[in-house]
Amino acid sequence: GRRQAFKNQNVKVASNVWHTLHVDAHGDHFMVTYDGN
């Protein structure tokens, strides 16, 4: 029940606009893309 961040990145996230979020999870490695980046 305890949430702990282990990576953070500042990006522009606009309200009332559609965005795309993607995560590639393989073993202990996770890669996240947001709006194609």
PDB file of all heavy atoms in Angstrom:
ATOM      1  N   GLY A   1       0.775  -1.227   0.000  1.00  0.00           N
ATOM      2  CA  GLY A   1       0.000   0.000   0.000  1.00  0.00           C
ATOM      3  C   GLY A   1       0.808   1.278   0.000  1.00  0.00           C
ATOM      4  O   GLY A   1       0.230   2.371  -0.068  1.00  0.00           O
ATOM      5  N   ARG A   2       2.133   1.175   0.056  1.00  0.00           N
ATOM      6  CA  ARG A   2       2.990   2.361   0.078  1.00  0.00           C
ATOM      7  C   ARG A   2       3.571   2.605  -1.306  1.00  0.00           C
ATOM      8  O   ARG A   2       4.284   1.764  -1.852  1.00  0.00           O
ATOM      9  CB  ARG A   2       4.123   2.180   1.096  1.00  0.00           C
ATOM     10  CG  ARG A   2       5.031   3.395   1.223  1.00  0.00           C
ATOM     11  CD  ARG A   2       6.013   3.209   2.373  1.00  0.00           C
ATOM     12  NE  ARG A   2       6.904   4.362   2.497  1.00  0.00           N
ATOM     13  CZ  ARG A   2       8.105   4.447   1.909  1.00  0.00           C
ATOM     14  NH1 ARG A   2       8.548   3.442   1.162  1.00  0.00           N
ATOM     15  NH2 ARG A   2       8.845   5.526   2.064  1.00  0.00           N
ATOM     16  N   ARG A   3       3.268   3.757  -1.869  1.00  0.00           N
ATOM     17  CA  ARG A   3       3.726   4.104  -3.217  1.00  0.00           C
ATOM     18  C   ARG A   3       5.084   4.787  -3.142  1.00  0.00           C
ATOM     19  O   ARG A   3       5.259   5.766  -2.415  1.00  0.00           O
ATOM     20  CB  ARG A   3       2.703   5.036  -3.877  1.00  0.00           C
ATOM     21  CG  ARG A   3       2.982   5.341  -5.340  1.00  0.00           C
ATOM     22  CD  ARG A   3       1.966   6.330  -5.889  1.00  0.00           C
ATOM     23  NE  ARG A   3       2.028   7.609  -5.205  1.00  0.00           N
ATOM     24  CZ  ARG A   3       1.803   8.781  -5.787  1.00  0.00           C
ATOM     25  NH1 ARG A   3       1.487   8.842  -7.063  1.00  0.00           N
ATOM     26  NH2 ARG A   3       1.866   9.901  -5.093  1.00  0.00           N
ATOM     27  N   GLN A   4       6.051   4.263  -3.908  1.00  0.00           N
ATOM     28  CA  GLN A   4       7.414   4.808  -3.900  1.00  0.00           C
ATOM     29  C   GLN A   4       7.889   5.033  -5.336  1.00  0.00           C
ATOM     30  O   GLN A   4       7.966   4.104  -6.130  1.00  0.00           O
ATOM     31  CB  GLN A   4       8.371   3.850  -3.189  1.00  0.00           C
ATOM     32  CG  GLN A   4       9.809   4.329  -3.118  1.00  0.00           C
ATOM     33  CD  GLN A   4       9.975   5.568  -2.253  1.00  0.00           C
ATOM     34  OE1 GLN A   4       9.491   5.614  -1.126  1.00  0.00           O
ATOM     35  NE2 GLN A   4      10.630   6.591  -2.781  1.00  0.00           N
ATOM     36  N   ALA A   5       8.204   6.283  -5.668  1.00  0.00           N
ATOM     37  CA  ALA A   5       8.717   6.597  -7.007  1.00  0.00           C
ATOM     38  C   ALA A   5      10.167   6.174  -7.143  1.00  0.00           C
ATOM     39  O   ALA A   5      10.947   6.285  -6.193  1.00  0.00           O
ATOM     40  CB  ALA A   5       8.590   8.094  -7.268  1.00  0.00           C
ATOM     41  N   PHE A   6      10.539   5.669  -8.340  1.00  0.00           N
ATOM     42  CA  PHE A   6      11.961   5.397  -8.579  1.00  0.00           C
ATOM     43  C   PHE A   6      12.475   5.995  -9.879  1.00  0.00           C
ATOM     44  O   PHE A   6      13.635   5.817 -10.224  1.00  0.00           O
ATOM     45  CB  PHE A   6      12.295   3.897  -8.463  1.00  0.00           C
ATOM     46  CG  PHE A   6      11.511   2.963  -9.352  1.00  0.00           C
ATOM     47  CD1 PHE A   6      11.958   2.617 -10.610  1.00  0.00           C
ATOM     48  CD2 PHE A   6      10.329   2.397  -8.890  1.00  0.00           C
ATOM     49  CE1 PHE A   6      11.263   1.737 -11.402  1.00  0.00           C
ATOM     50  CE2 PHE A   6       9.619   1.498  -9.673  1.00  0.00           C
ATOM     51  CZ  PHE A   6      10.081   1.170 -10.928  1.00  0.00           C
ATOM     52  N   LYS A   7      11.649   6.761 -10.606  1.00  0.00           N
ATOM     53  CA  LYS A   7      12.123   7.531 -11.746  1.00  0.00           C
ATOM     54  C   LYS A   7      11.061   8.571 -12.098  1.00  0.00           C
ATOM     55  O   LYS A   7       9.864   8.279 -12.062  1.00  0.00           O
ATOM     56  CB  LYS A   7      12.391   6.628 -12.964  1.00  0.00           C
ATOM     57  CG  LYS A   7      13.363   7.200 -13.993  1.00  0.00           C
ATOM     58  CD  LYS A   7      14.773   7.325 -13.434  1.00  0.00           C
ATOM     59  CE  LYS A   7      15.770   7.828 -14.449  1.00  0.00           C
ATOM     60  NZ  LYS A   7      16.151   6.823 -15.450  1.00  0.00           N
ATOM     61  N   ASN A   8      11.515   9.780 -12.454  1.00  0.00           N
ATOM     62  CA  ASN A   8      10.604  10.877 -12.740  1.00  0.00           C
ATOM     63  C   ASN A   8      11.185  11.739 -13.849  1.00  0.00           C
ATOM     64  O   ASN A   8      12.396  11.909 -13.944  1.00  0.00           O
ATOM     65  CB  ASN A   8      10.368  11.714 -11.471  1.00  0.00           C
ATOM     66  CG  ASN A   8       9.503  12.925 -11.707  1.00  0.00           C
ATOM     67  OD1 ASN A   8      10.002  13.988 -12.060  1.00  0.00           O
ATOM     68  ND2 ASN A   8       8.216  12.779 -11.519  1.00  0.00           N
ATOM     69  N   GLN A   9      10.286  12.295 -14.690  1.00  0.00           N
ATOM     70  CA  GLN A   9      10.738  13.183 -15.759  1.00  0.00           C
ATOM     71  C   GLN A   9       9.686  14.264 -15.988  1.00  0.00           C
ATOM     72  O   GLN A   9       8.488  13.976 -16.103  1.00  0.00           O
ATOM     73  CB  GLN A   9      10.939  12.399 -17.067  1.00  0.00           C
ATOM     74  CG  GLN A   9      11.335  13.245 -18.257  1.00  0.00           C
ATOM     75  CD  GLN A   9      12.717  13.853 -18.113  1.00  0.00           C
ATOM     76  OE1 GLN A   9      13.653  13.159 -17.738  1.00  0.00           O
ATOM     77  NE2 GLN A   9      12.844  15.136 -18.400  1.00  0.00           N
ATOM     78  N   ASN A  10      10.121  15.512 -16.038  1.00  0.00           N
ATOM     79  CA  ASN A  10       9.206  16.610 -16.337  1.00  0.00           C
ATOM     80  C   ASN A  10       8.869  16.623 -17.823  1.00  0.00           C
ATOM     81  O   ASN A  10       9.762  16.590 -18.669  1.00  0.00           O
ATOM     82  CB  ASN A  10       9.833  17.951 -15.947  1.00  0.00           C
ATOM     83  CG  ASN A  10       9.968  18.120 -14.448  1.00  0.00           C
ATOM     84  OD1 ASN A  10       9.194  17.554 -13.677  1.00  0.00           O
ATOM     85  ND2 ASN A  10      10.953  18.890 -14.013  1.00  0.00           N
ATOM     86  N   VAL A  11       7.559  16.658 -18.126  1.00  0.00           N
ATOM     87  CA  VAL A  11       7.067  16.745 -19.501  1.00  0.00           C
ATOM     88  C   VAL A  11       5.778  17.564 -19.473  1.00  0.00           C
ATOM     89  O   VAL A  11       5.101  17.640 -18.450  1.00  0.00           O
ATOM     90  CB  VAL A  11       6.786  15.367 -20.138  1.00  0.00           C
ATOM     91  CG1 VAL A  11       8.055  14.563 -20.335  1.00  0.00           C
ATOM     92  CG2 VAL A  11       5.776  14.584 -19.307  1.00  0.00           C
ATOM     93  N   LYS A  12       5.428  18.151 -20.599  1.00  0.00           N
ATOM     94  CA  LYS A  12       4.178  18.900 -20.694  1.00  0.00           C
ATOM     95  C   LYS A  12       3.032  17.932 -20.924  1.00  0.00           C
ATOM     96  O   LYS A  12       3.025  17.171 -21.901  1.00  0.00           O
ATOM     97  CB  LYS A  12       4.251  19.922 -21.835  1.00  0.00           C
ATOM     98  CG  LYS A  12       2.944  20.689 -22.051  1.00  0.00           C
ATOM     99  CD  LYS A  12       2.541  21.498 -20.834  1.00  0.00           C
ATOM    100  CE  LYS A  12       1.250  22.261 -21.059  1.00  0.00           C
ATOM    101  NZ  LYS A  12       0.797  22.965 -19.834  1.00  0.00           N
ATOM    102  N   VAL A  13       2.040  17.964 -20.010  1.00  0.00           N
ATOM    103  CA  VAL A  13       0.852  17.129 -20.125  1.00  0.00           C
ATOM    104  C   VAL A  13      -0.364  18.057 -20.106  1.00  0.00           C
ATOM    105  O   VAL A  13      -0.731  18.590 -19.060  1.00  0.00           O
ATOM    106  CB  VAL A  13       0.758  16.104 -18.982  1.00  0.00           C
ATOM    107  CG1 VAL A  13      -0.444  15.188 -19.192  1.00  0.00           C
ATOM    108  CG2 VAL A  13       2.043  15.287 -18.868  1.00  0.00           C
ATOM    109  N   ALA A  14      -0.967  18.278 -21.244  1.00  0.00           N
ATOM    110  CA  ALA A  14      -2.076  19.223 -21.350  1.00  0.00           C
ATOM    111  C   ALA A  14      -3.389  18.577 -20.909  1.00  0.00           C
ATOM    112  O   ALA A  14      -3.639  17.398 -21.165  1.00  0.00           O
ATOM    113  CB  ALA A  14      -2.208  19.723 -22.786  1.00  0.00           C
ATOM    114  N   SER A  15      -4.229  19.370 -20.255  1.00  0.00           N
ATOM    115  CA  SER A  15      -5.571  18.920 -19.884  1.00  0.00           C
ATOM    116  C   SER A  15      -6.494  18.954 -21.098  1.00  0.00           C
ATOM    117  O   SER A  15      -6.293  19.723 -22.036  1.00  0.00           O
ATOM    118  CB  SER A  15      -6.145  19.819 -18.794  1.00  0.00           C
ATOM    119  OG  SER A  15      -5.372  19.760 -17.621  1.00  0.00           O
ATOM    120  N   ASN A  16      -7.511  18.092 -21.054  1.00  0.00           N
ATOM    121  CA  ASN A  16      -8.547  18.027 -22.097  1.00  0.00           C
ATOM    122  C   ASN A  16      -7.974  17.808 -23.496  1.00  0.00           C
ATOM    123  O   ASN A  16      -8.515  18.293 -24.497  1.00  0.00           O
ATOM    124  CB  ASN A  16      -9.427  19.279 -22.056  1.00  0.00           C
ATOM    125  CG  ASN A  16     -10.358  19.260 -20.860  1.00  0.00           C
ATOM    126  OD1 ASN A  16     -11.199  18.372 -20.740  1.00  0.00           O
ATOM    127  ND2 ASN A  16     -10.187  20.215 -19.962  1.00  0.00           N
ATOM    128  N   VAL A  17      -6.867  17.080 -23.530  1.00  0.00           N
ATOM    129  CA  VAL A  17      -6.228  16.677 -24.790  1.00  0.00           C
ATOM    130  C   VAL A  17      -5.903  15.189 -24.664  1.00  0.00           C
ATOM    131  O   VAL A  17      -5.497  14.725 -23.597  1.00  0.00           O
ATOM    132  CB  VAL A  17      -4.930  17.482 -25.037  1.00  0.00           C
ATOM    133  CG1 VAL A  17      -4.189  16.953 -26.263  1.00  0.00           C
ATOM    134  CG2 VAL A  17      -5.245  18.963 -25.199  1.00  0.00           C
ATOM    135  N   TRP A  18      -6.077  14.450 -25.753  1.00  0.00           N
ATOM    136  CA  TRP A  18      -5.730  13.030 -25.740  1.00  0.00           C
ATOM    137  C   TRP A  18      -4.217  12.853 -25.850  1.00  0.00           C
ATOM    138  O   TRP A  18      -3.563  13.498 -26.670  1.00  0.00           O
ATOM    139  CB  TRP A  18      -6.432  12.294 -26.873  1.00  0.00           C
ATOM    140  CG  TRP A  18      -7.870  12.005 -26.565  1.00  0.00           C
ATOM    141  CD1 TRP A  18      -8.951  12.727 -26.973  1.00  0.00           C
ATOM    142  CD2 TRP A  18      -8.368  10.946 -25.763  1.00  0.00           C
ATOM    143  NE1 TRP A  18     -10.102  12.176 -26.475  1.00  0.00           N
ATOM    144  CE2 TRP A  18      -9.787  11.080 -25.726  1.00  0.00           C
ATOM    145  CE3 TRP A  18      -7.785   9.890 -25.069  1.00  0.00           C
ATOM    146  CZ2 TRP A  18     -10.608  10.188 -25.028  1.00  0.00           C
ATOM    147  CZ3 TRP A  18      -8.600   9.008 -24.368  1.00  0.00           C
ATOM    148  CH2 TRP A  18      -9.988   9.155 -24.356  1.00  0.00           C
ATOM    149  N   HIS A  19      -3.684  11.955 -25.020  1.00  0.00           N
ATOM    150  CA  HIS A  19      -2.262  11.604 -25.013  1.00  0.00           C
ATOM    151  C   HIS A  19      -2.127  10.084 -25.099  1.00  0.00           C
ATOM    152  O   HIS A  19      -3.095   9.339 -24.887  1.00  0.00           O
ATOM    153  CB  HIS A  19      -1.585  12.089 -23.727  1.00  0.00           C
ATOM    154  CG  HIS A  19      -1.723  13.550 -23.470  1.00  0.00           C
ATOM    155  ND1 HIS A  19      -0.936  14.496 -24.099  1.00  0.00           N
ATOM    156  CD2 HIS A  19      -2.561  14.239 -22.648  1.00  0.00           C
ATOM    157  CE1 HIS A  19      -1.271  15.696 -23.669  1.00  0.00           C
ATOM    158  NE2 HIS A  19      -2.256  15.574 -22.797  1.00  0.00           N
ATOM    159  N   THR A  20      -0.902   9.623 -25.373  1.00  0.00           N
ATOM    160  CA  THR A  20      -0.627   8.188 -25.430  1.00  0.00           C
ATOM    161  C   THR A  20       0.490   7.849 -24.446  1.00  0.00           C
ATOM    162  O   THR A  20       1.559   8.468 -24.464  1.00  0.00           O
ATOM    163  CB  THR A  20      -0.207   7.755 -26.844  1.00  0.00           C
ATOM    164  OG1 THR A  20      -1.255   8.076 -27.759  1.00  0.00           O
ATOM    165  CG2 THR A  20       0.047   6.257 -26.885  1.00  0.00           C
ATOM    166  N   LEU A  21       0.219   6.865 -23.598  1.00  0.00           N
ATOM    167  CA  LEU A  21       1.194   6.381 -22.613  1.00  0.00           C
ATOM    168  C   LEU A  21       1.491   4.922 -22.891  1.00  0.00           C
ATOM    169  O   LEU A  21       0.571   4.126 -23.109  1.00  0.00           O
ATOM    170  CB  LEU A  21       0.629   6.557 -21.198  1.00  0.00           C
ATOM    171  CG  LEU A  21       1.517   6.131 -20.026  1.00  0.00           C
ATOM    172  CD1 LEU A  21       2.801   6.957 -19.973  1.00  0.00           C
ATOM    173  CD2 LEU A  21       0.750   6.250 -18.709  1.00  0.00           C
ATOM    174  N   HIS A  22       2.773   4.576 -22.886  1.00  0.00           N
ATOM    175  CA  HIS A  22       3.195   3.209 -23.200  1.00  0.00           C
ATOM    176  C   HIS A  22       4.282   2.772 -22.234  1.00  0.00           C
ATOM    177  O   HIS A  22       5.165   3.563 -21.883  1.00  0.00           O
ATOM    178  CB  HIS A  22       3.748   3.151 -24.637  1.00  0.00           C
ATOM    179  CG  HIS A  22       4.432   1.862 -24.968  1.00  0.00           C
ATOM    180  ND1 HIS A  22       3.746   0.740 -25.366  1.00  0.00           N
ATOM    181  CD2 HIS A  22       5.744   1.507 -24.946  1.00  0.00           C
ATOM    182  CE1 HIS A  22       4.603  -0.234 -25.592  1.00  0.00           C
ATOM    183  NE2 HIS A  22       5.826   0.201 -25.334  1.00  0.00           N
ATOM    184  N   VAL A  23       4.212   1.516 -21.785  1.00  0.00           N
ATOM    185  CA  VAL A  23       5.292   0.938 -20.992  1.00  0.00           C
ATOM    186  C   VAL A  23       5.694  -0.401 -21.592  1.00  0.00           C
ATOM    187  O   VAL A  23       4.840  -1.211 -21.976  1.00  0.00           O
ATOM    188  CB  VAL A  23       4.913   0.779 -19.501  1.00  0.00           C
ATOM    189  CG1 VAL A  23       3.741  -0.155 -19.304  1.00  0.00           C
ATOM    190  CG2 VAL A  23       6.119   0.313 -18.694  1.00  0.00           C
ATOM    191  N   ASP A  24       6.989  -0.598 -21.702  1.00  0.00           N
ATOM    192  CA  ASP A  24       7.591  -1.860 -22.134  1.00  0.00           C
ATOM    193  C   ASP A  24       8.247  -2.459 -20.897  1.00  0.00           C
ATOM    194  O   ASP A  24       9.255  -1.937 -20.405  1.00  0.00           O
ATOM    195  CB  ASP A  24       8.614  -1.573 -23.229  1.00  0.00           C
ATOM    196  CG  ASP A  24       9.377  -2.805 -23.681  1.00  0.00           C
ATOM    197  OD1 ASP A  24       9.234  -3.868 -23.049  1.00  0.00           O
ATOM    198  OD2 ASP A  24      10.142  -2.705 -24.655  1.00  0.00           O
ATOM    199  N   ALA A  25       7.658  -3.538 -20.370  1.00  0.00           N
ATOM    200  CA  ALA A  25       8.146  -4.177 -19.144  1.00  0.00           C
ATOM    201  C   ALA A  25       8.757  -5.529 -19.488  1.00  0.00           C
ATOM    202  O   ALA A  25       8.057  -6.422 -19.984  1.00  0.00           O
ATOM    203  CB  ALA A  25       7.014  -4.344 -18.149  1.00  0.00           C
ATOM    204  N   HIS A  26      10.053  -5.670 -19.222  1.00  0.00           N
ATOM    205  CA  HIS A  26      10.756  -6.919 -19.512  1.00  0.00           C
ATOM    206  C   HIS A  26      11.734  -7.196 -18.373  1.00  0.00           C
ATOM    207  O   HIS A  26      12.691  -6.449 -18.180  1.00  0.00           O
ATOM    208  CB  HIS A  26      11.500  -6.834 -20.844  1.00  0.00           C
ATOM    209  CG  HIS A  26      12.074  -8.155 -21.280  1.00  0.00           C
ATOM    210  ND1 HIS A  26      13.353  -8.544 -20.974  1.00  0.00           N
ATOM    211  CD2 HIS A  26      11.524  -9.182 -21.978  1.00  0.00           C
ATOM    212  CE1 HIS A  26      13.583  -9.742 -21.477  1.00  0.00           C
ATOM    213  NE2 HIS A  26      12.483 -10.158 -22.086  1.00  0.00           N
ATOM    214  N   GLY A  27      11.456  -8.253 -17.619  1.00  0.00           N
ATOM    215  CA  GLY A  27      12.294  -8.541 -16.460  1.00  0.00           C
ATOM    216  C   GLY A  27      12.224  -7.401 -15.467  1.00  0.00           C
ATOM    217  O   GLY A  27      11.135  -6.953 -15.077  1.00  0.00           O
ATOM    218  N   ASP A  28      13.399  -6.893 -15.074  1.00  0.00           N
ATOM    219  CA  ASP A  28      13.422  -5.760 -14.135  1.00  0.00           C
ATOM    220  C   ASP A  28      13.630  -4.426 -14.848  1.00  0.00           C
ATOM    221  O   ASP A  28      13.899  -3.405 -14.212  1.00  0.00           O
ATOM    222  CB  ASP A  28      14.516  -5.959 -13.081  1.00  0.00           C
ATOM    223  CG  ASP A  28      15.923  -5.939 -13.674  1.00  0.00           C
ATOM    224  OD1 ASP A  28      16.067  -5.881 -14.915  1.00  0.00           O
ATOM    225  OD2 ASP A  28      16.881  -5.984 -12.875  1.00  0.00           O
ATOM    226  N   HIS A  29      13.478  -4.416 -16.186  1.00  0.00           N
ATOM    227  CA  HIS A  29      13.717  -3.217 -16.987  1.00  0.00           C
ATOM    228  C   HIS A  29      12.397  -2.678 -17.529  1.00  0.00           C
ATOM    229  O   HIS A  29      11.621  -3.413 -18.142  1.00  0.00           O
ATOM    230  CB  HIS A  29      14.667  -3.549 -18.145  1.00  0.00           C
ATOM    231  CG  HIS A  29      15.007  -2.360 -18.985  1.00  0.00           C
ATOM    232  ND1 HIS A  29      15.212  -2.449 -20.343  1.00  0.00           N
ATOM    233  CD2 HIS A  29      15.168  -1.047 -18.674  1.00  0.00           C
ATOM    234  CE1 HIS A  29      15.494  -1.263 -20.826  1.00  0.00           C
ATOM    235  NE2 HIS A  29      15.465  -0.382 -19.826  1.00  0.00           N
ATOM    236  N   PHE A  30      12.169  -1.383 -17.329  1.00  0.00           N
ATOM    237  CA  PHE A  30      10.924  -0.751 -17.742  1.00  0.00           C
ATOM    238  C   PHE A  30      11.229   0.518 -18.535  1.00  0.00           C
ATOM    239  O   PHE A  30      11.973   1.389 -18.055  1.00  0.00           O
ATOM    240  CB  PHE A  30      10.066  -0.397 -16.527  1.00  0.00           C
ATOM    241  CG  PHE A  30       9.938  -1.517 -15.544  1.00  0.00           C
ATOM    242  CD1 PHE A  30      10.361  -1.356 -14.228  1.00  0.00           C
ATOM    243  CD2 PHE A  30       9.429  -2.744 -15.923  1.00  0.00           C
ATOM    244  CE1 PHE A  30      10.273  -2.385 -13.321  1.00  0.00           C
ATOM    245  CE2 PHE A  30       9.331  -3.793 -15.025  1.00  0.00           C
ATOM    246  CZ  PHE A  30       9.749  -3.620 -13.717  1.00  0.00           C
ATOM    247  N   MET A  31      10.664   0.622 -19.731  1.00  0.00           N
ATOM    248  CA  MET A  31      10.835   1.807 -20.552  1.00  0.00           C
ATOM    249  C   MET A  31       9.466   2.413 -20.835  1.00  0.00           C
ATOM    250  O   MET A  31       8.555   1.721 -21.300  1.00  0.00           O
ATOM    251  CB  MET A  31      11.544   1.481 -21.860  1.00  0.00           C
ATOM    252  CG  MET A  31      11.920   2.718 -22.668  1.00  0.00           C
ATOM    253  SD  MET A  31      12.999   2.332 -24.063  1.00  0.00           S
ATOM    254  CE  MET A  31      11.869   1.398 -25.103  1.00  0.00           C
ATOM    255  N   VAL A  32       9.334   3.700 -20.545  1.00  0.00           N
ATOM    256  CA  VAL A  32       8.065   4.397 -20.683  1.00  0.00           C
ATOM    257  C   VAL A  32       8.179   5.448 -21.775  1.00  0.00           C
ATOM    258  O   VAL A  32       9.133   6.238 -21.794  1.00  0.00           O
ATOM    259  CB  VAL A  32       7.657   5.076 -19.355  1.00  0.00           C
ATOM    260  CG1 VAL A  32       6.352   5.863 -19.528  1.00  0.00           C
ATOM    261  CG2 VAL A  32       7.510   4.030 -18.252  1.00  0.00           C
ATOM    262  N   THR A  33       7.198   5.458 -22.689  1.00  0.00           N
ATOM    263  CA  THR A  33       7.125   6.511 -23.692  1.00  0.00           C
ATOM    264  C   THR A  33       5.810   7.264 -23.513  1.00  0.00           C
ATOM    265  O   THR A  33       4.783   6.687 -23.136  1.00  0.00           O
ATOM    266  CB  THR A  33       7.216   5.963 -25.128  1.00  0.00           C
ATOM    267  OG1 THR A  33       6.147   5.032 -25.340  1.00  0.00           O
ATOM    268  CG2 THR A  33       8.537   5.272 -25.360  1.00  0.00           C
ATOM    269  N   TYR A  34       5.865   8.561 -23.773  1.00  0.00           N
ATOM    270  CA  TYR A  34       4.705   9.442 -23.646  1.00  0.00           C
ATOM    271  C   TYR A  34       4.597  10.256 -24.925  1.00  0.00           C
ATOM    272  O   TYR A  34       5.555  10.938 -25.316  1.00  0.00           O
ATOM    273  CB  TYR A  34       4.874  10.352 -22.424  1.00  0.00           C
ATOM    274  CG  TYR A  34       3.981  11.565 -22.421  1.00  0.00           C
ATOM    275  CD1 TYR A  34       2.618  11.456 -22.170  1.00  0.00           C
ATOM    276  CD2 TYR A  34       4.499  12.833 -22.695  1.00  0.00           C
ATOM    277  CE1 TYR A  34       1.806  12.567 -22.186  1.00  0.00           C
ATOM    278  CE2 TYR A  34       3.698  13.959 -22.703  1.00  0.00           C
ATOM    279  CZ  TYR A  34       2.352  13.818 -22.456  1.00  0.00           C
ATOM    280  OH  TYR A  34       1.542  14.924 -22.480  1.00  0.00           O
ATOM    281  N   ASP A  35       3.461  10.145 -25.588  1.00  0.00           N
ATOM    282  CA  ASP A  35       3.232  10.816 -26.870  1.00  0.00           C
ATOM    283  C   ASP A  35       4.381  10.566 -27.850  1.00  0.00           C
ATOM    284  O   ASP A  35       4.838  11.464 -28.558  1.00  0.00           O
ATOM    285  CB  ASP A  35       3.009  12.315 -26.663  1.00  0.00           C
ATOM    286  CG  ASP A  35       1.617  12.626 -26.130  1.00  0.00           C
ATOM    287  OD1 ASP A  35       0.777  11.698 -26.096  1.00  0.00           O
ATOM    288  OD2 ASP A  35       1.363  13.778 -25.746  1.00  0.00           O
ATOM    289  N   GLY A  36       4.871   9.321 -27.860  1.00  0.00           N
ATOM    290  CA  GLY A  36       5.878   8.894 -28.820  1.00  0.00           C
ATOM    291  C   GLY A  36       7.312   9.170 -28.429  1.00  0.00           C
ATOM    292  O   GLY A  36       8.230   8.785 -29.156  1.00  0.00           O
ATOM    293  N   ASN A  37       7.544   9.793 -27.269  1.00  0.00           N
ATOM    294  CA  ASN A  37       8.902  10.121 -26.830  1.00  0.00           C
ATOM    295  C   ASN A  37       9.261   9.328 -25.577  1.00  0.00           C
ATOM    296  O   ASN A  37       8.462   9.266 -24.632  1.00  0.00           O
ATOM    297  CB  ASN A  37       9.022  11.618 -26.526  1.00  0.00           C
ATOM    298  CG  ASN A  37       8.742  12.473 -27.745  1.00  0.00           C
ATOM    299  OD1 ASN A  37       9.332  12.274 -28.802  1.00  0.00           O
ATOM    300  ND2 ASN A  37       7.817  13.419 -27.604  1.00  0.00           N
TER     301      ASN A  37
END
